[in-house]
Amino acid sequence: MPSHHAINYIEIGVADVAVAKTFYGDAFGWTFTDYGPEYAGILSPEGGDREVGGLNGQGVRPRGGPLVLLWSADLDASAEAVAAAGGEVNEGPYEFPGGRRFHFIDPAGNELGVWGA
């Protein structure tokens, strides 16, 4: 059951759903529900069939919106996985009051962040 007023779903605009699935699968181990060539649901890393977001192939939104942050138990390994999967680590890893984090650009041009303690 979703929590009232909690963020429930994050949609990432991408130019090519297949390329995005490969990138996020390789970088973070994400799995997907396919809804055709223009959309894939992002399955929860906790398992099961609950979706936490989607890859929308209807076009990339311009930068400047909210920054989506992912959690990592091994930040340096995550940064290496992003780069190995074809992403660009454009900031960090760096220290901040809550721990460490880095930002990256995915192959579609979206900027996301990853943080860990």
Protein backbone atom coordinates (compact mmCIF):
# COMPACT_ATOMS: atom_id res chain seq x y z
CA MET A 1 0.00 0.00 0.00
CA PRO A 2 1.55 3.36 -0.99
CA SER A 3 2.08 5.96 1.72
CA HIS A 4 -0.08 9.09 1.53
CA HIS A 5 1.86 12.01 0.00
CA ALA A 6 5.07 9.95 -0.34
CA ILE A 7 7.02 9.78 -3.59
CA ASN A 8 5.68 6.64 -5.21
CA TYR A 9 7.10 6.49 -8.73
CA ILE A 10 9.94 8.18 -10.64
CA GLU A 11 9.77 8.38 -14.43
CA ILE A 12 12.97 8.95 -16.40
CA GLY A 13 12.63 10.37 -19.93
CA VAL A 14 14.95 8.60 -22.36
CA ALA A 15 15.66 8.77 -26.08
CA ASP A 16 15.97 4.98 -26.44
CA VAL A 17 14.33 2.59 -23.95
CA ALA A 18 16.54 -0.36 -24.97
CA VAL A 19 19.75 1.64 -24.42
CA ALA A 20 18.45 2.92 -21.07
CA LYS A 21 17.50 -0.60 -19.93
CA THR A 22 20.99 -1.85 -20.78
CA PHE A 23 22.65 1.07 -18.97
CA TYR A 24 20.58 0.86 -15.77
CA GLY A 25 20.67 -2.94 -15.79
CA ASP A 26 24.46 -2.97 -16.12
CA ALA A 27 25.11 -0.09 -13.70
CA PHE A 28 22.63 -0.96 -10.93
CA GLY A 29 21.20 -4.40 -11.68
CA TRP A 30 17.74 -3.01 -12.36
CA THR A 31 15.12 -5.22 -14.00
CA PHE A 32 12.10 -4.11 -15.97
CA THR A 33 8.57 -4.82 -17.10
CA ASP A 34 8.29 -4.16 -20.84
CA TYR A 35 5.22 -2.29 -22.09
CA GLY A 36 6.37 -1.97 -25.68
CA PRO A 37 9.25 -0.14 -27.34
CA GLU A 38 8.45 3.24 -25.73
CA TYR A 39 8.05 2.31 -22.04
CA ALA A 40 9.54 -0.02 -19.44
CA GLY A 41 8.58 -0.17 -15.77
CA ILE A 42 11.46 -0.25 -13.26
CA LEU A 43 10.94 -3.16 -10.86
CA SER A 44 11.72 -2.70 -7.17
CA PRO A 45 15.19 -3.99 -6.27
CA GLU A 46 13.51 -5.67 -3.28
CA GLY A 47 12.04 -8.25 -5.65
CA GLY A 48 8.51 -9.05 -6.68
CA ASP A 49 6.52 -7.28 -9.36
CA ARG A 50 6.14 -3.85 -7.70
CA GLU A 51 7.30 -1.01 -9.92
CA VAL A 52 9.08 2.04 -8.49
CA GLY A 53 9.45 3.99 -11.71
CA GLY A 54 9.61 3.87 -15.46
CA LEU A 55 11.70 4.62 -18.53
CA ASN A 56 9.63 6.78 -20.87
CA GLY A 57 10.78 6.73 -24.48
CA GLN A 58 8.55 9.66 -25.45
CA GLY A 59 11.53 12.00 -25.18
CA VAL A 60 14.08 13.37 -22.78
CA ARG A 61 13.01 16.20 -20.52
CA PRO A 62 15.38 19.14 -20.18
CA ARG A 63 17.68 19.21 -17.16
CA GLY A 64 16.72 21.34 -14.23
CA GLY A 65 13.95 19.28 -12.66
CA PRO A 66 14.18 17.40 -9.38
CA LEU A 67 17.35 15.40 -8.80
CA VAL A 68 16.64 11.70 -8.27
CA LEU A 69 19.02 10.15 -5.73
CA LEU A 70 19.72 6.44 -5.44
CA TRP A 71 21.22 4.75 -2.34
CA SER A 72 24.38 2.63 -2.54
CA ALA A 73 26.02 0.41 0.07
CA ASP A 74 29.32 0.76 -1.89
CA LEU A 75 29.52 4.21 -3.46
CA ASP A 76 32.88 3.75 -5.19
CA ALA A 77 31.77 0.47 -6.79
CA SER A 78 28.56 2.18 -7.97
CA ALA A 79 30.54 5.03 -9.56
CA GLU A 80 32.74 2.48 -11.34
CA ALA A 81 29.65 0.55 -12.53
CA VAL A 82 28.07 3.74 -13.92
CA ALA A 83 31.22 4.54 -15.90
CA ALA A 84 31.61 0.94 -17.10
CA ALA A 85 27.97 0.91 -18.27
CA GLY A 86 28.51 4.03 -20.40
CA GLY A 87 27.43 6.79 -18.02
CA GLU A 88 29.44 9.89 -17.17
CA VAL A 89 30.25 10.58 -13.52
CA ASN A 90 30.15 14.38 -13.66
CA GLU A 91 30.49 15.24 -9.97
CA GLY A 92 32.22 13.43 -7.11
CA PRO A 93 32.26 11.19 -5.28
CA TYR A 94 32.43 13.89 -2.61
CA GLU A 95 31.72 14.26 1.10
CA PHE A 96 28.59 16.00 2.34
CA PRO A 97 27.03 16.18 5.85
CA GLY A 98 25.00 12.97 5.31
CA GLY A 99 27.85 10.86 3.90
CA ARG A 100 29.23 10.74 0.35
CA ARG A 101 27.65 11.04 -3.08
CA PHE A 102 28.23 11.47 -6.79
CA HIS A 103 26.18 12.67 -9.75
CA PHE A 104 26.12 11.09 -13.18
CA ILE A 105 24.69 11.64 -16.65
CA ASP A 106 22.99 8.62 -18.23
CA PRO A 107 23.21 7.91 -21.99
CA ALA A 108 19.98 9.90 -22.57
CA GLY A 109 21.38 13.01 -20.83
CA ASN A 110 19.50 12.67 -17.51
CA GLU A 111 21.38 13.64 -14.36
CA LEU A 112 20.89 11.48 -11.27
CA GLY A 113 22.79 11.13 -8.02
CA VAL A 114 23.87 8.25 -5.81
CA TRP A 115 24.69 8.55 -2.12
CA GLY A 116 25.88 6.34 0.70
CA ALA A 117 27.07 6.62 4.27
